[in-house]
Amino acid sequence: MENILYSIIGILIPFMGTSLGSSFVFFMKKNMSDKIQKMIVGFAAGVMIAASMWSLILPSIEMAENQGKISWLPAAVGIVFGVAFLILINHIAKEIEARKDGKKLNMLIFSVTLHNIPEGRG
């Protein structure tokens, strides 16, 4: 019974966070000031950087260290490939955005796919 309670709590916490974050769209449709928008984007960027550091980079360094390899090398190579991939994706996104036909739908599909690539889902 205790495991079920932990599972429910584990599901509710991300659900509440996602719901709270998405509520800004409904409460601040067109009257969001540039200052608030920059604060929200900055907060989201900080959360993603922290998640990347704690969930990806540090475990990569620890795994390489445990295997007796140069500890920082796999993480550094991954970061360089990730940056190159994002530059490529940014270029492709600009081309998609320049199209007139189905611009919003194409960008929605593209952004959801891009978001799910690191998570290993298609």
PDB file of N, CA and C in Angstrom:
ATOM      1  N   MET A   1       0.819  -1.191   0.000  1.00  0.00           N
ATOM      2  CA  MET A   1       0.000   0.000   0.000  1.00  0.00           C
ATOM      3  C   MET A   1       0.866   1.260   0.000  1.00  0.00           C
ATOM      4  N   GLU A   2       1.987   1.178   0.719  1.00  0.00           N
ATOM      5  CA  GLU A   2       2.884   2.324   0.810  1.00  0.00           C
ATOM      6  C   GLU A   2       3.497   2.651  -0.557  1.00  0.00           C
ATOM      7  N   ASN A   3       3.827   1.611  -1.344  1.00  0.00           N
ATOM      8  CA  ASN A   3       4.379   1.832  -2.680  1.00  0.00           C
ATOM      9  C   ASN A   3       3.386   2.530  -3.588  1.00  0.00           C
ATOM     10  N   ILE A   4       2.106   2.197  -3.443  1.00  0.00           N
ATOM     11  CA  ILE A   4       1.077   2.847  -4.256  1.00  0.00           C
ATOM     12  C   ILE A   4       0.994   4.330  -3.907  1.00  0.00           C
ATOM     13  N   LEU A   5       1.069   4.638  -2.621  1.00  0.00           N
ATOM     14  CA  LEU A   5       1.034   6.037  -2.186  1.00  0.00           C
ATOM     15  C   LEU A   5       2.227   6.806  -2.749  1.00  0.00           C
ATOM     16  N   TYR A   6       3.413   6.228  -2.690  1.00  0.00           N
ATOM     17  CA  TYR A   6       4.599   6.879  -3.256  1.00  0.00           C
ATOM     18  C   TYR A   6       4.462   7.060  -4.769  1.00  0.00           C
ATOM     19  N   SER A   7       3.877   6.088  -5.427  1.00  0.00           N
ATOM     20  CA  SER A   7       3.665   6.192  -6.875  1.00  0.00           C
ATOM     21  C   SER A   7       2.712   7.330  -7.206  1.00  0.00           C
ATOM     22  N   ILE A   8       1.642   7.426  -6.446  1.00  0.00           N
ATOM     23  CA  ILE A   8       0.669   8.502  -6.685  1.00  0.00           C
ATOM     24  C   ILE A   8       1.310   9.865  -6.445  1.00  0.00           C
ATOM     25  N   ILE A   9       2.063   9.990  -5.370  1.00  0.00           N
ATOM     26  CA  ILE A   9       2.752  11.253  -5.080  1.00  0.00           C
ATOM     27  C   ILE A   9       3.765  11.558  -6.182  1.00  0.00           C
ATOM     28  N   GLY A  10       4.480  10.535  -6.633  1.00  0.00           N
ATOM     29  CA  GLY A  10       5.461  10.716  -7.701  1.00  0.00           C
ATOM     30  C   GLY A  10       4.839  11.144  -9.015  1.00  0.00           C
ATOM     31  N   ILE A  11       3.611  10.762  -9.252  1.00  0.00           N
ATOM     32  CA  ILE A  11       2.902  11.181 -10.464  1.00  0.00           C
ATOM     33  C   ILE A  11       2.309  12.577 -10.280  1.00  0.00           C
ATOM     34  N   LEU A  12       1.797  12.861  -9.091  1.00  0.00           N
ATOM     35  CA  LEU A  12       1.125  14.140  -8.853  1.00  0.00           C
ATOM     36  C   LEU A  12       2.077  15.331  -8.846  1.00  0.00           C
ATOM     37  N   ILE A  13       3.295  15.153  -8.358  1.00  0.00           N
ATOM     38  CA  ILE A  13       4.231  16.283  -8.293  1.00  0.00           C
ATOM     39  C   ILE A  13       4.546  16.825  -9.689  1.00  0.00           C
ATOM     40  N   PRO A  14       4.971  16.000 -10.658  1.00  0.00           N
ATOM     41  CA  PRO A  14       5.202  16.556 -12.000  1.00  0.00           C
ATOM     42  C   PRO A  14       3.911  17.069 -12.652  1.00  0.00           C
ATOM     43  N   PHE A  15       2.793  16.384 -12.372  1.00  0.00           N
ATOM     44  CA  PHE A  15       1.518  16.837 -12.921  1.00  0.00           C
ATOM     45  C   PHE A  15       1.182  18.239 -12.429  1.00  0.00           C
ATOM     46  N   MET A  16       1.337  18.473 -11.137  1.00  0.00           N
ATOM     47  CA  MET A  16       1.048  19.793 -10.569  1.00  0.00           C
ATOM     48  C   MET A  16       2.001  20.856 -11.123  1.00  0.00           C
ATOM     49  N   GLY A  17       3.274  20.508 -11.244  1.00  0.00           N
ATOM     50  CA  GLY A  17       4.235  21.459 -11.796  1.00  0.00           C
ATOM     51  C   GLY A  17       3.931  21.815 -13.238  1.00  0.00           C
ATOM     52  N   THR A  18       3.594  20.810 -14.036  1.00  0.00           N
ATOM     53  CA  THR A  18       3.244  21.051 -15.435  1.00  0.00           C
ATOM     54  C   THR A  18       1.963  21.874 -15.528  1.00  0.00           C
ATOM     55  N   SER A  19       0.984  21.545 -14.698  1.00  0.00           N
ATOM     56  CA  SER A  19      -0.278  22.291 -14.706  1.00  0.00           C
ATOM     57  C   SER A  19      -0.058  23.744 -14.302  1.00  0.00           C
ATOM     58  N   LEU A  20       0.738  23.962 -13.289  1.00  0.00           N
ATOM     59  CA  LEU A  20       1.021  25.323 -12.848  1.00  0.00           C
ATOM     60  C   LEU A  20       1.759  26.102 -13.935  1.00  0.00           C
ATOM     61  N   GLY A  21       2.751  25.467 -14.533  1.00  0.00           N
ATOM     62  CA  GLY A  21       3.512  26.145 -15.589  1.00  0.00           C
ATOM     63  C   GLY A  21       2.672  26.467 -16.805  1.00  0.00           C
ATOM     64  N   SER A  22       1.797  25.566 -17.177  1.00  0.00           N
ATOM     65  CA  SER A  22       0.963  25.814 -18.350  1.00  0.00           C
ATOM     66  C   SER A  22      -0.162  26.794 -18.060  1.00  0.00           C
ATOM     67  N   SER A  23      -0.482  27.017 -16.796  1.00  0.00           N
ATOM     68  CA  SER A  23      -1.561  27.947 -16.461  1.00  0.00           C
ATOM     69  C   SER A  23      -1.227  29.380 -16.867  1.00  0.00           C
ATOM     70  N   PHE A  24       0.051  29.691 -16.991  1.00  0.00           N
ATOM     71  CA  PHE A  24       0.432  31.037 -17.425  1.00  0.00           C
ATOM     72  C   PHE A  24      -0.154  31.374 -18.791  1.00  0.00           C
ATOM     73  N   VAL A  25      -0.299  30.358 -19.634  1.00  0.00           N
ATOM     74  CA  VAL A  25      -0.863  30.582 -20.963  1.00  0.00           C
ATOM     75  C   VAL A  25      -2.290  31.097 -20.860  1.00  0.00           C
ATOM     76  N   PHE A  26      -3.057  30.566 -19.930  1.00  0.00           N
ATOM     77  CA  PHE A  26      -4.459  30.956 -19.801  1.00  0.00           C
ATOM     78  C   PHE A  26      -4.633  32.270 -19.052  1.00  0.00           C
ATOM     79  N   PHE A  27      -3.816  32.523 -18.056  1.00  0.00           N
ATOM     80  CA  PHE A  27      -3.978  33.724 -17.252  1.00  0.00           C
ATOM     81  C   PHE A  27      -3.300  34.954 -17.852  1.00  0.00           C
ATOM     82  N   MET A  28      -2.317  34.749 -18.685  1.00  0.00           N
ATOM     83  CA  MET A  28      -1.557  35.877 -19.213  1.00  0.00           C
ATOM     84  C   MET A  28      -1.485  35.813 -20.732  1.00  0.00           C
ATOM     85  N   LYS A  29      -2.595  35.601 -21.392  1.00  0.00           N
ATOM     86  CA  LYS A  29      -2.623  35.364 -22.829  1.00  0.00           C
ATOM     87  C   LYS A  29      -1.821  36.390 -23.616  1.00  0.00           C
ATOM     88  N   LYS A  30      -2.306  37.615 -23.710  1.00  0.00           N
ATOM     89  CA  LYS A  30      -1.621  38.601 -24.553  1.00  0.00           C
ATOM     90  C   LYS A  30      -1.075  39.769 -23.750  1.00  0.00           C
ATOM     91  N   ASN A  31      -1.324  39.787 -22.468  1.00  0.00           N
ATOM     92  CA  ASN A  31      -0.893  40.937 -21.676  1.00  0.00           C
ATOM     93  C   ASN A  31       0.346  40.651 -20.824  1.00  0.00           C
ATOM     94  N   MET A  32       1.170  39.693 -21.228  1.00  0.00           N
ATOM     95  CA  MET A  32       2.372  39.374 -20.481  1.00  0.00           C
ATOM     96  C   MET A  32       3.469  40.378 -20.853  1.00  0.00           C
ATOM     97  N   SER A  33       4.025  41.020 -19.865  1.00  0.00           N
ATOM     98  CA  SER A  33       5.081  41.995 -20.133  1.00  0.00           C
ATOM     99  C   SER A  33       6.371  41.270 -20.509  1.00  0.00           C
ATOM    100  N   ASP A  34       7.245  41.985 -21.169  1.00  0.00           N
ATOM    101  CA  ASP A  34       8.535  41.401 -21.567  1.00  0.00           C
ATOM    102  C   ASP A  34       9.338  40.963 -20.350  1.00  0.00           C
ATOM    103  N   LYS A  35       9.242  41.722 -19.269  1.00  0.00           N
ATOM    104  CA  LYS A  35       9.996  41.399 -18.055  1.00  0.00           C
ATOM    105  C   LYS A  35       9.545  40.052 -17.475  1.00  0.00           C
ATOM    106  N   ILE A  36       8.244  39.850 -17.382  1.00  0.00           N
ATOM    107  CA  ILE A  36       7.722  38.588 -16.838  1.00  0.00           C
ATOM    108  C   ILE A  36       8.066  37.434 -17.768  1.00  0.00           C
ATOM    109  N   GLN A  37       7.932  37.674 -19.067  1.00  0.00           N
ATOM    110  CA  GLN A  37       8.248  36.614 -20.028  1.00  0.00           C
ATOM    111  C   GLN A  37       9.722  36.219 -19.925  1.00  0.00           C
ATOM    112  N   LYS A  38      10.602  37.191 -19.786  1.00  0.00           N
ATOM    113  CA  LYS A  38      12.029  36.890 -19.644  1.00  0.00           C
ATOM    114  C   LYS A  38      12.313  36.137 -18.344  1.00  0.00           C
ATOM    115  N   MET A  39      11.590  36.488 -17.272  1.00  0.00           N
ATOM    116  CA  MET A  39      11.778  35.782 -16.005  1.00  0.00           C
ATOM    117  C   MET A  39      11.332  34.318 -16.126  1.00  0.00           C
ATOM    118  N   ILE A  40      10.210  34.082 -16.783  1.00  0.00           N
ATOM    119  CA  ILE A  40       9.705  32.720 -16.937  1.00  0.00           C
ATOM    120  C   ILE A  40      10.646  31.893 -17.800  1.00  0.00           C
ATOM    121  N   VAL A  41      11.106  32.463 -18.902  1.00  0.00           N
ATOM    122  CA  VAL A  41      12.028  31.744 -19.788  1.00  0.00           C
ATOM    123  C   VAL A  41      13.359  31.491 -19.071  1.00  0.00           C
ATOM    124  N   GLY A  42      13.836  32.463 -18.310  1.00  0.00           N
ATOM    125  CA  GLY A  42      15.069  32.283 -17.547  1.00  0.00           C
ATOM    126  C   GLY A  42      14.941  31.199 -16.497  1.00  0.00           C
ATOM    127  N   PHE A  43      13.800  31.171 -15.812  1.00  0.00           N
ATOM    128  CA  PHE A  43      13.559  30.118 -14.821  1.00  0.00           C
ATOM    129  C   PHE A  43      13.554  28.747 -15.483  1.00  0.00           C
ATOM    130  N   ALA A  44      12.849  28.634 -16.614  1.00  0.00           N
ATOM    131  CA  ALA A  44      12.787  27.352 -17.331  1.00  0.00           C
ATOM    132  C   ALA A  44      14.175  26.922 -17.796  1.00  0.00           C
ATOM    133  N   ALA A  45      14.962  27.873 -18.276  1.00  0.00           N
ATOM    134  CA  ALA A  45      16.319  27.547 -18.717  1.00  0.00           C
ATOM    135  C   ALA A  45      17.166  27.069 -17.530  1.00  0.00           C
ATOM    136  N   GLY A  46      17.023  27.719 -16.387  1.00  0.00           N
ATOM    137  CA  GLY A  46      17.764  27.302 -15.195  1.00  0.00           C
ATOM    138  C   GLY A  46      17.389  25.905 -14.737  1.00  0.00           C
ATOM    139  N   VAL A  47      16.103  25.599 -14.781  1.00  0.00           N
ATOM    140  CA  VAL A  47      15.641  24.263 -14.396  1.00  0.00           C
ATOM    141  C   VAL A  47      16.218  23.219 -15.350  1.00  0.00           C
ATOM    142  N   MET A  48      16.206  23.505 -16.642  1.00  0.00           N
ATOM    143  CA  MET A  48      16.719  22.541 -17.625  1.00  0.00           C
ATOM    144  C   MET A  48      18.233  22.350 -17.480  1.00  0.00           C
ATOM    145  N   ILE A  49      18.949  23.417 -17.206  1.00  0.00           N
ATOM    146  CA  ILE A  49      20.401  23.293 -17.002  1.00  0.00           C
ATOM    147  C   ILE A  49      20.683  22.458 -15.752  1.00  0.00           C
ATOM    148  N   ALA A  50      19.942  22.712 -14.675  1.00  0.00           N
ATOM    149  CA  ALA A  50      20.131  21.930 -13.451  1.00  0.00           C
ATOM    150  C   ALA A  50      19.796  20.459 -13.693  1.00  0.00           C
ATOM    151  N   ALA A  51      18.699  20.201 -14.409  1.00  0.00           N
ATOM    152  CA  ALA A  51      18.319  18.820 -14.705  1.00  0.00           C
ATOM    153  C   ALA A  51      19.386  18.134 -15.550  1.00  0.00           C
ATOM    154  N   SER A  52      19.927  18.855 -16.518  1.00  0.00           N
ATOM    155  CA  SER A  52      20.980  18.288 -17.363  1.00  0.00           C
ATOM    156  C   SER A  52      22.223  17.970 -16.540  1.00  0.00           C
ATOM    157  N   MET A  53      22.567  18.868 -15.649  1.00  0.00           N
ATOM    158  CA  MET A  53      23.769  18.682 -14.841  1.00  0.00           C
ATOM    159  C   MET A  53      23.631  17.483 -13.914  1.00  0.00           C
ATOM    160  N   TRP A  54      22.522  17.444 -13.152  1.00  0.00           N
ATOM    161  CA  TRP A  54      22.362  16.392 -12.147  1.00  0.00           C
ATOM    162  C   TRP A  54      21.965  15.051 -12.744  1.00  0.00           C
ATOM    163  N   SER A  55      21.225  15.060 -13.835  1.00  0.00           N
ATOM    164  CA  SER A  55      20.708  13.797 -14.367  1.00  0.00           C
ATOM    165  C   SER A  55      21.516  13.231 -15.522  1.00  0.00           C
ATOM    166  N   LEU A  56      22.335  14.043 -16.159  1.00  0.00           N
ATOM    167  CA  LEU A  56      23.074  13.570 -17.330  1.00  0.00           C
ATOM    168  C   LEU A  56      24.586  13.729 -17.193  1.00  0.00           C
ATOM    169  N   ILE A  57      25.029  14.934 -16.933  1.00  0.00           N
ATOM    170  CA  ILE A  57      26.473  15.220 -16.973  1.00  0.00           C
ATOM    171  C   ILE A  57      27.207  14.568 -15.801  1.00  0.00           C
ATOM    172  N   LEU A  58      26.745  14.802 -14.581  1.00  0.00           N
ATOM    173  CA  LEU A  58      27.432  14.212 -13.425  1.00  0.00           C
ATOM    174  C   LEU A  58      27.402  12.681 -13.435  1.00  0.00           C
ATOM    175  N   PRO A  59      26.257  12.048 -13.754  1.00  0.00           N
ATOM    176  CA  PRO A  59      26.286  10.583 -13.856  1.00  0.00           C
ATOM    177  C   PRO A  59      27.235  10.081 -14.946  1.00  0.00           C
ATOM    178  N   SER A  60      27.341  10.819 -16.047  1.00  0.00           N
ATOM    179  CA  SER A  60      28.268  10.431 -17.112  1.00  0.00           C
ATOM    180  C   SER A  60      29.711  10.474 -16.615  1.00  0.00           C
ATOM    181  N   ILE A  61      30.032  11.509 -15.886  1.00  0.00           N
ATOM    182  CA  ILE A  61      31.389  11.636 -15.342  1.00  0.00           C
ATOM    183  C   ILE A  61      31.667  10.513 -14.342  1.00  0.00           C
ATOM    184  N   GLU A  62      30.696  10.213 -13.478  1.00  0.00           N
ATOM    185  CA  GLU A  62      30.873   9.140 -12.494  1.00  0.00           C
ATOM    186  C   GLU A  62      31.015   7.776 -13.165  1.00  0.00           C
ATOM    187  N   MET A  63      30.208   7.524 -14.197  1.00  0.00           N
ATOM    188  CA  MET A  63      30.287   6.229 -14.894  1.00  0.00           C
ATOM    189  C   MET A  63      31.651   6.056 -15.564  1.00  0.00           C
ATOM    190  N   ALA A  64      32.150   7.106 -16.222  1.00  0.00           N
ATOM    191  CA  ALA A  64      33.458   7.014 -16.873  1.00  0.00           C
ATOM    192  C   ALA A  64      34.558   6.826 -15.839  1.00  0.00           C
ATOM    193  N   GLU A  65      34.425   7.497 -14.710  1.00  0.00           N
ATOM    194  CA  GLU A  65      35.416   7.363 -13.636  1.00  0.00           C
ATOM    195  C   GLU A  65      35.427   5.932 -13.092  1.00  0.00           C
ATOM    196  N   ASN A  66      34.251   5.349 -12.919  1.00  0.00           N
ATOM    197  CA  ASN A  66      34.154   3.969 -12.422  1.00  0.00           C
ATOM    198  C   ASN A  66      34.708   2.958 -13.417  1.00  0.00           C
ATOM    199  N   GLN A  67      34.710   3.301 -14.706  1.00  0.00           N
ATOM    200  CA  GLN A  67      35.244   2.412 -15.733  1.00  0.00           C
ATOM    201  C   GLN A  67      36.742   2.629 -15.954  1.00  0.00           C
ATOM    202  N   GLY A  68      37.333   3.547 -15.196  1.00  0.00           N
ATOM    203  CA  GLY A  68      38.762   3.791 -15.298  1.00  0.00           C
ATOM    204  C   GLY A  68      39.148   4.633 -16.500  1.00  0.00           C
ATOM    205  N   LYS A  69      38.207   5.362 -17.075  1.00  0.00           N
ATOM    206  CA  LYS A  69      38.489   6.207 -18.237  1.00  0.00           C
ATOM    207  C   LYS A  69      38.658   7.648 -17.795  1.00  0.00           C
ATOM    208  N   ILE A  70      39.021   8.494 -18.737  1.00  0.00           N
ATOM    209  CA  ILE A  70      39.123   9.925 -18.444  1.00  0.00           C
ATOM    210  C   ILE A  70      37.713  10.395 -18.103  1.00  0.00           C
ATOM    211  N   SER A  71      37.514  10.870 -16.892  1.00  0.00           N
ATOM    212  CA  SER A  71      36.158  11.088 -16.380  1.00  0.00           C
ATOM    213  C   SER A  71      35.376  12.151 -17.135  1.00  0.00           C
ATOM    214  N   TRP A  72      36.017  13.222 -17.570  1.00  0.00           N
ATOM    215  CA  TRP A  72      35.301  14.337 -18.183  1.00  0.00           C
ATOM    216  C   TRP A  72      35.102  14.167 -19.686  1.00  0.00           C
ATOM    217  N   LEU A  73      35.836  13.246 -20.321  1.00  0.00           N
ATOM    218  CA  LEU A  73      35.813  13.137 -21.785  1.00  0.00           C
ATOM    219  C   LEU A  73      34.445  12.747 -22.360  1.00  0.00           C
ATOM    220  N   PRO A  74      33.775  11.694 -21.864  1.00  0.00           N
ATOM    221  CA  PRO A  74      32.463  11.370 -22.448  1.00  0.00           C
ATOM    222  C   PRO A  74      31.448  12.503 -22.312  1.00  0.00           C
ATOM    223  N   ALA A  75      31.458  13.173 -21.170  1.00  0.00           N
ATOM    224  CA  ALA A  75      30.528  14.289 -20.979  1.00  0.00           C
ATOM    225  C   ALA A  75      30.857  15.431 -21.939  1.00  0.00           C
ATOM    226  N   ALA A  76      32.128  15.732 -22.111  1.00  0.00           N
ATOM    227  CA  ALA A  76      32.530  16.814 -23.014  1.00  0.00           C
ATOM    228  C   ALA A  76      32.156  16.499 -24.458  1.00  0.00           C
ATOM    229  N   VAL A  77      32.398  15.256 -24.882  1.00  0.00           N
ATOM    230  CA  VAL A  77      32.031  14.853 -26.252  1.00  0.00           C
ATOM    231  C   VAL A  77      30.512  14.940 -26.435  1.00  0.00           C
ATOM    232  N   GLY A  78      29.766  14.492 -25.435  1.00  0.00           N
ATOM    233  CA  GLY A  78      28.312  14.575 -25.508  1.00  0.00           C
ATOM    234  C   GLY A  78      27.815  16.000 -25.593  1.00  0.00           C
ATOM    235  N   ILE A  79      28.419  16.887 -24.835  1.00  0.00           N
ATOM    236  CA  ILE A  79      28.026  18.301 -24.876  1.00  0.00           C
ATOM    237  C   ILE A  79      28.322  18.899 -26.238  1.00  0.00           C
ATOM    238  N   VAL A  80      29.493  18.609 -26.793  1.00  0.00           N
ATOM    239  CA  VAL A  80      29.853  19.146 -28.117  1.00  0.00           C
ATOM    240  C   VAL A  80      28.890  18.627 -29.185  1.00  0.00           C
ATOM    241  N   PHE A  81      28.597  17.333 -29.179  1.00  0.00           N
ATOM    242  CA  PHE A  81      27.636  16.786 -30.146  1.00  0.00           C
ATOM    243  C   PHE A  81      26.242  17.377 -29.927  1.00  0.00           C
ATOM    244  N   GLY A  82      25.858  17.581 -28.674  1.00  0.00           N
ATOM    245  CA  GLY A  82      24.555  18.176 -28.371  1.00  0.00           C
ATOM    246  C   GLY A  82      24.438  19.594 -28.901  1.00  0.00           C
ATOM    247  N   VAL A  83      25.491  20.384 -28.723  1.00  0.00           N
ATOM    248  CA  VAL A  83      25.491  21.757 -29.238  1.00  0.00           C
ATOM    249  C   VAL A  83      25.408  21.747 -30.763  1.00  0.00           C
ATOM    250  N   ALA A  84      26.177  20.883 -31.407  1.00  0.00           N
ATOM    251  CA  ALA A  84      26.129  20.791 -32.870  1.00  0.00           C
ATOM    252  C   ALA A  84      24.733  20.376 -33.339  1.00  0.00           C
ATOM    253  N   PHE A  85      24.128  19.428 -32.634  1.00  0.00           N
ATOM    254  CA  PHE A  85      22.779  18.981 -32.981  1.00  0.00           C
ATOM    255  C   PHE A  85      21.775  20.125 -32.837  1.00  0.00           C
ATOM    256  N   LEU A  86      21.882  20.902 -31.766  1.00  0.00           N
ATOM    257  CA  LEU A  86      20.963  22.023 -31.570  1.00  0.00           C
ATOM    258  C   LEU A  86      21.144  23.098 -32.627  1.00  0.00           C
ATOM    259  N   ILE A  87      22.373  23.343 -33.052  1.00  0.00           N
ATOM    260  CA  ILE A  87      22.605  24.308 -34.133  1.00  0.00           C
ATOM    261  C   ILE A  87      21.945  23.826 -35.416  1.00  0.00           C
ATOM    262  N   LEU A  88      22.088  22.548 -35.722  1.00  0.00           N
ATOM    263  CA  LEU A  88      21.444  21.970 -36.903  1.00  0.00           C
ATOM    264  C   LEU A  88      19.924  22.060 -36.797  1.00  0.00           C
ATOM    265  N   ILE A  89      19.373  21.714 -35.656  1.00  0.00           N
ATOM    266  CA  ILE A  89      17.934  21.761 -35.445  1.00  0.00           C
ATOM    267  C   ILE A  89      17.429  23.198 -35.558  1.00  0.00           C
ATOM    268  N   ASN A  90      18.177  24.147 -35.037  1.00  0.00           N
ATOM    269  CA  ASN A  90      17.788  25.554 -35.141  1.00  0.00           C
ATOM    270  C   ASN A  90      17.713  25.993 -36.599  1.00  0.00           C
ATOM    271  N   HIS A  91      18.667  25.550 -37.398  1.00  0.00           N
ATOM    272  CA  HIS A  91      18.662  25.870 -38.834  1.00  0.00           C
ATOM    273  C   HIS A  91      17.437  25.263 -39.518  1.00  0.00           C
ATOM    274  N   ILE A  92      17.137  24.019 -39.207  1.00  0.00           N
ATOM    275  CA  ILE A  92      15.971  23.349 -39.802  1.00  0.00           C
ATOM    276  C   ILE A  92      14.679  24.034 -39.352  1.00  0.00           C
ATOM    277  N   ALA A  93      14.612  24.415 -38.073  1.00  0.00           N
ATOM    278  CA  ALA A  93      13.411  25.081 -37.559  1.00  0.00           C
ATOM    279  C   ALA A  93      13.176  26.417 -38.259  1.00  0.00           C
ATOM    280  N   LYS A  94      14.236  27.149 -38.534  1.00  0.00           N
ATOM    281  CA  LYS A  94      14.085  28.421 -39.253  1.00  0.00           C
ATOM    282  C   LYS A  94      13.534  28.202 -40.651  1.00  0.00           C
ATOM    283  N   GLU A  95      13.963  27.132 -41.312  1.00  0.00           N
ATOM    284  CA  GLU A  95      13.434  26.826 -42.642  1.00  0.00           C
ATOM    285  C   GLU A  95      11.961  26.444 -42.565  1.00  0.00           C
ATOM    286  N   ILE A  96      11.588  25.671 -41.576  1.00  0.00           N
ATOM    287  CA  ILE A  96      10.182  25.282 -41.417  1.00  0.00           C
ATOM    288  C   ILE A  96       9.338  26.510 -41.102  1.00  0.00           C
ATOM    289  N   GLU A  97       9.865  27.385 -40.256  1.00  0.00           N
ATOM    290  CA  GLU A  97       9.124  28.583 -39.857  1.00  0.00           C
ATOM    291  C   GLU A  97       8.906  29.532 -41.025  1.00  0.00           C
ATOM    292  N   ALA A  98       9.800  29.510 -42.003  1.00  0.00           N
ATOM    293  CA  ALA A  98       9.683  30.394 -43.155  1.00  0.00           C
ATOM    294  C   ALA A  98       8.576  29.963 -44.111  1.00  0.00           C
ATOM    295  N   ARG A  99       8.132  28.720 -44.022  1.00  0.00           N
ATOM    296  CA  ARG A  99       7.063  28.229 -44.894  1.00  0.00           C
ATOM    297  C   ARG A  99       5.738  28.874 -44.530  1.00  0.00           C
ATOM    298  N   LYS A 100       4.901  29.005 -45.509  1.00  0.00           N
ATOM    299  CA  LYS A 100       3.576  29.586 -45.269  1.00  0.00           C
ATOM    300  C   LYS A 100       2.537  28.504 -44.966  1.00  0.00           C
ATOM    301  N   ASP A 101       2.689  27.326 -45.536  1.00  0.00           N
ATOM    302  CA  ASP A 101       1.681  26.274 -45.405  1.00  0.00           C
ATOM    303  C   ASP A 101       1.867  25.477 -44.116  1.00  0.00           C
ATOM    304  N   GLY A 102       0.869  25.496 -43.270  1.00  0.00           N
ATOM    305  CA  GLY A 102       0.893  24.690 -42.052  1.00  0.00           C
ATOM    306  C   GLY A 102       2.005  25.045 -41.099  1.00  0.00           C
ATOM    307  N   LYS A 103       2.366  26.317 -41.028  1.00  0.00           N
ATOM    308  CA  LYS A 103       3.501  26.749 -40.219  1.00  0.00           C
ATOM    309  C   LYS A 103       3.329  26.357 -38.740  1.00  0.00           C
ATOM    310  N   LYS A 104       2.186  26.638 -38.172  1.00  0.00           N
ATOM    311  CA  LYS A 104       1.973  26.341 -36.743  1.00  0.00           C
ATOM    312  C   LYS A 104       1.961  24.842 -36.479  1.00  0.00           C
ATOM    313  N   LEU A 105       1.277  24.089 -37.323  1.00  0.00           N
ATOM    314  CA  LEU A 105       1.222  22.641 -37.133  1.00  0.00           C
ATOM    315  C   LEU A 105       2.605  22.022 -37.300  1.00  0.00           C
ATOM    316  N   ASN A 106       3.345  22.447 -38.306  1.00  0.00           N
ATOM    317  CA  ASN A 106       4.702  21.924 -38.515  1.00  0.00           C
ATOM    318  C   ASN A 106       5.595  22.222 -37.322  1.00  0.00           C
ATOM    319  N   MET A 107       5.522  23.438 -36.809  1.00  0.00           N
ATOM    320  CA  MET A 107       6.365  23.794 -35.666  1.00  0.00           C
ATOM    321  C   MET A 107       5.945  23.033 -34.413  1.00  0.00           C
ATOM    322  N   LEU A 108       4.653  22.798 -34.241  1.00  0.00           N
ATOM    323  CA  LEU A 108       4.190  22.034 -33.091  1.00  0.00           C
ATOM    324  C   LEU A 108       4.710  20.604 -33.148  1.00  0.00           C
ATOM    325  N   ILE A 109       4.560  19.965 -34.284  1.00  0.00           N
ATOM    326  CA  ILE A 109       5.040  18.586 -34.453  1.00  0.00           C
ATOM    327  C   ILE A 109       6.556  18.539 -34.275  1.00  0.00           C
ATOM    328  N   PHE A 110       7.247  19.487 -34.872  1.00  0.00           N
ATOM    329  CA  PHE A 110       8.708  19.543 -34.793  1.00  0.00           C
ATOM    330  C   PHE A 110       9.166  19.739 -33.339  1.00  0.00           C
ATOM    331  N   SER A 111       8.525  20.654 -32.618  1.00  0.00           N
ATOM    332  CA  SER A 111       8.974  20.932 -31.251  1.00  0.00           C
ATOM    333  C   SER A 111       8.689  19.761 -30.311  1.00  0.00           C
ATOM    334  N   VAL A 112       7.551  19.092 -30.474  1.00  0.00           N
ATOM    335  CA  VAL A 112       7.248  17.932 -29.622  1.00  0.00           C
ATOM    336  C   VAL A 112       8.235  16.806 -29.906  1.00  0.00           C
ATOM    337  N   THR A 113       8.532  16.583 -31.183  1.00  0.00           N
ATOM    338  CA  THR A 113       9.501  15.545 -31.548  1.00  0.00           C
ATOM    339  C   THR A 113      10.880  15.874 -30.989  1.00  0.00           C
ATOM    340  N   LEU A 114      11.295  17.117 -31.140  1.00  0.00           N
ATOM    341  CA  LEU A 114      12.602  17.542 -30.627  1.00  0.00           C
ATOM    342  C   LEU A 114      12.662  17.382 -29.117  1.00  0.00           C
ATOM    343  N   HIS A 115      11.587  17.716 -28.429  1.00  0.00           N
ATOM    344  CA  HIS A 115      11.560  17.604 -26.979  1.00  0.00           C
ATOM    345  C   HIS A 115      11.691  16.143 -26.533  1.00  0.00           C
ATOM    346  N   ASN A 116      11.118  15.227 -27.287  1.00  0.00           N
ATOM    347  CA  ASN A 116      11.108  13.821 -26.875  1.00  0.00           C
ATOM    348  C   ASN A 116      12.357  13.059 -27.286  1.00  0.00           C
ATOM    349  N   ILE A 117      13.179  13.579 -28.180  1.00  0.00           N
ATOM    350  CA  ILE A 117      14.382  12.867 -28.630  1.00  0.00           C
ATOM    351  C   ILE A 117      15.310  12.513 -27.467  1.00  0.00           C
ATOM    352  N   PRO A 118      15.664  13.462 -26.573  1.00  0.00           N
ATOM    353  CA  PRO A 118      16.565  13.090 -25.471  1.00  0.00           C
ATOM    354  C   PRO A 118      15.954  12.080 -24.506  1.00  0.00           C
ATOM    355  N   GLU A 119      14.625  12.032 -24.444  1.00  0.00           N
ATOM    356  CA  GLU A 119      13.981  11.105 -23.535  1.00  0.00           C
ATOM    357  C   GLU A 119      13.862   9.705 -24.123  1.00  0.00           C
ATOM    358  N   GLY A 120      14.234   9.550 -25.387  1.00  0.00           N
ATOM    359  CA  GLY A 120      14.219   8.253 -26.012  1.00  0.00           C
ATOM    360  C   GLY A 120      12.861   7.812 -26.513  1.00  0.00           C
ATOM    361  N   ARG A 121      11.963   8.765 -26.658  1.00  0.00           N
ATOM    362  CA  ARG A 121      10.640   8.428 -27.178  1.00  0.00           C
ATOM    363  C   ARG A 121      10.492   9.033 -28.554  1.00  0.00           C
ATOM    364  N   GLY A 122       9.772   8.355 -29.426  1.00  0.00           N
ATOM    365  CA  GLY A 122       9.567   8.856 -30.782  1.00  0.00           C
ATOM    366  C   GLY A 122       8.288   9.595 -30.957  1.00  0.00           C
TER     367      GLY A 122
END
